[in-house]
Amino acid sequence: MKPPKRLSDLKGASQRAETYAPPTPKVSRQKPGKVLSAAERAAFLANRPDLKPKS
């Protein structure tokens, strides 16, 4: 008996490889989050007194 050469040989034939599927429209619509700079964060918090830390 020859030694197995592929991982699929070790797993057995019951596992089948899944084909590539393109992302769904909902996933492709998502945008990366915007990171605020220090100046933008300060300006935002100046306009939102309810978000200031309680001291």
N, C-alpha and C. Protein backbone atom coordinates (compact mmCIF):
# COMPACT_ATOMS: atom_id res chain seq x y z
N MET A 1 0.85 -1.19 0.00
CA MET A 1 0.00 0.00 0.00
C MET A 1 0.89 1.25 0.00
N LYS A 2 0.57 2.21 -0.85
CA LYS A 2 1.36 3.44 -0.95
C LYS A 2 0.96 4.40 0.16
N PRO A 3 1.90 5.20 0.66
CA PRO A 3 1.55 6.20 1.67
C PRO A 3 0.71 7.31 1.03
N PRO A 4 -0.22 7.90 1.79
CA PRO A 4 -1.05 8.96 1.22
C PRO A 4 -0.21 10.20 0.91
N LYS A 5 -0.56 10.87 -0.17
CA LYS A 5 0.18 12.05 -0.60
C LYS A 5 -0.61 13.34 -0.39
N ARG A 6 -1.90 13.23 -0.26
CA ARG A 6 -2.74 14.42 -0.12
C ARG A 6 -3.54 14.34 1.16
N LEU A 7 -3.93 15.50 1.66
CA LEU A 7 -4.74 15.54 2.87
C LEU A 7 -6.09 14.89 2.63
N SER A 8 -6.63 15.03 1.43
CA SER A 8 -7.92 14.41 1.13
C SER A 8 -7.83 12.89 1.18
N ASP A 9 -6.64 12.34 0.92
CA ASP A 9 -6.46 10.89 1.04
C ASP A 9 -6.57 10.45 2.49
N LEU A 10 -6.10 11.28 3.41
CA LEU A 10 -6.19 10.94 4.82
C LEU A 10 -7.61 11.07 5.35
N LYS A 11 -8.32 12.09 4.86
CA LYS A 11 -9.68 12.33 5.34
C LYS A 11 -10.66 11.28 4.84
N GLY A 12 -10.44 10.78 3.67
CA GLY A 12 -11.36 9.82 3.09
C GLY A 12 -12.13 10.46 1.96
N ALA A 13 -12.84 9.65 1.21
CA ALA A 13 -13.54 10.13 0.03
C ALA A 13 -14.87 10.79 0.35
N SER A 14 -15.35 10.67 1.60
CA SER A 14 -16.67 11.23 1.92
C SER A 14 -16.65 12.76 1.91
N GLN A 15 -15.49 13.36 2.18
CA GLN A 15 -15.38 14.82 2.16
C GLN A 15 -15.22 15.26 0.71
N ARG A 16 -16.07 16.17 0.26
CA ARG A 16 -15.90 16.65 -1.10
C ARG A 16 -15.49 18.11 -1.06
N ALA A 17 -14.66 18.49 -1.96
CA ALA A 17 -14.18 19.86 -2.01
C ALA A 17 -15.30 20.78 -2.50
N GLU A 18 -15.47 21.90 -1.81
CA GLU A 18 -16.50 22.84 -2.23
C GLU A 18 -15.91 23.79 -3.26
N THR A 19 -16.73 24.14 -4.20
CA THR A 19 -16.27 25.06 -5.24
C THR A 19 -16.37 26.49 -4.73
N TYR A 20 -15.62 27.37 -5.36
CA TYR A 20 -15.63 28.78 -4.99
C TYR A 20 -16.97 29.39 -5.36
N ALA A 21 -17.55 30.12 -4.42
CA ALA A 21 -18.80 30.83 -4.69
C ALA A 21 -18.53 32.32 -4.52
N PRO A 22 -18.95 33.14 -5.46
CA PRO A 22 -18.74 34.58 -5.31
C PRO A 22 -19.55 35.11 -4.13
N PRO A 23 -19.13 36.21 -3.53
CA PRO A 23 -19.85 36.74 -2.38
C PRO A 23 -21.27 37.16 -2.75
N THR A 24 -22.14 37.05 -1.79
CA THR A 24 -23.53 37.46 -2.02
C THR A 24 -23.59 38.99 -2.12
N PRO A 25 -24.64 39.55 -2.69
CA PRO A 25 -24.71 41.01 -2.81
C PRO A 25 -24.62 41.73 -1.48
N LYS A 26 -25.17 41.15 -0.41
CA LYS A 26 -25.13 41.81 0.89
C LYS A 26 -23.69 41.93 1.39
N VAL A 27 -22.90 40.90 1.20
CA VAL A 27 -21.51 40.92 1.65
C VAL A 27 -20.71 41.90 0.81
N SER A 28 -20.93 41.93 -0.49
CA SER A 28 -20.14 42.80 -1.35
C SER A 28 -20.52 44.27 -1.17
N ARG A 29 -21.69 44.56 -0.59
CA ARG A 29 -22.11 45.95 -0.36
C ARG A 29 -21.45 46.55 0.87
N GLN A 30 -20.98 45.71 1.78
CA GLN A 30 -20.43 46.22 3.03
C GLN A 30 -19.16 47.01 2.78
N LYS A 31 -19.03 48.13 3.47
CA LYS A 31 -17.86 48.98 3.32
C LYS A 31 -17.03 48.91 4.59
N PRO A 32 -15.73 49.10 4.50
CA PRO A 32 -14.91 49.11 5.71
C PRO A 32 -15.24 50.33 6.56
N GLY A 33 -15.10 50.19 7.86
CA GLY A 33 -15.41 51.28 8.77
C GLY A 33 -14.41 52.42 8.66
N LYS A 34 -14.87 53.63 8.92
CA LYS A 34 -13.99 54.80 8.84
C LYS A 34 -13.37 55.03 10.22
N VAL A 35 -12.07 55.23 10.24
CA VAL A 35 -11.37 55.52 11.48
C VAL A 35 -11.17 57.02 11.55
N LEU A 36 -11.64 57.62 12.65
CA LEU A 36 -11.54 59.07 12.80
C LEU A 36 -10.14 59.47 13.23
N SER A 37 -9.68 60.60 12.70
CA SER A 37 -8.42 61.15 13.17
C SER A 37 -8.66 61.82 14.52
N ALA A 38 -7.59 62.24 15.17
CA ALA A 38 -7.72 62.88 16.49
C ALA A 38 -8.53 64.17 16.38
N ALA A 39 -8.31 64.94 15.31
CA ALA A 39 -9.04 66.20 15.14
C ALA A 39 -10.52 65.94 14.86
N GLU A 40 -10.81 64.93 14.03
CA GLU A 40 -12.21 64.60 13.73
C GLU A 40 -12.92 64.09 14.98
N ARG A 41 -12.23 63.27 15.77
CA ARG A 41 -12.84 62.75 17.00
C ARG A 41 -13.14 63.88 17.98
N ALA A 42 -12.21 64.83 18.12
CA ALA A 42 -12.41 65.96 19.03
C ALA A 42 -13.59 66.82 18.57
N ALA A 43 -13.69 67.05 17.26
CA ALA A 43 -14.80 67.85 16.73
C ALA A 43 -16.13 67.12 16.93
N PHE A 44 -16.14 65.81 16.76
CA PHE A 44 -17.37 65.05 16.94
C PHE A 44 -17.82 65.09 18.40
N LEU A 45 -16.87 64.87 19.31
CA LEU A 45 -17.23 64.86 20.73
C LEU A 45 -17.62 66.26 21.23
N ALA A 46 -17.08 67.31 20.59
CA ALA A 46 -17.47 68.67 20.97
C ALA A 46 -18.93 68.94 20.62
N ASN A 47 -19.42 68.30 19.58
CA ASN A 47 -20.82 68.48 19.17
C ASN A 47 -21.77 67.55 19.92
N ARG A 48 -21.25 66.58 20.66
CA ARG A 48 -22.08 65.61 21.37
C ARG A 48 -21.77 65.65 22.87
N PRO A 49 -22.36 66.58 23.61
CA PRO A 49 -22.07 66.65 25.06
C PRO A 49 -22.55 65.41 25.81
N ASP A 50 -23.52 64.69 25.27
CA ASP A 50 -24.01 63.50 25.96
C ASP A 50 -23.00 62.35 25.93
N LEU A 51 -21.97 62.43 25.08
CA LEU A 51 -20.97 61.38 25.00
C LEU A 51 -19.72 61.68 25.79
N LYS A 52 -19.64 62.83 26.43
CA LYS A 52 -18.46 63.18 27.21
C LYS A 52 -18.37 62.27 28.44
N PRO A 53 -17.14 61.91 28.84
CA PRO A 53 -17.00 61.04 30.00
C PRO A 53 -17.50 61.74 31.27
N LYS A 54 -18.15 60.96 32.12
CA LYS A 54 -18.69 61.51 33.38
C LYS A 54 -17.57 61.58 34.40
N SER A 55 -17.37 62.77 35.00
CA SER A 55 -16.34 62.89 36.01
C SER A 55 -16.88 63.43 37.30
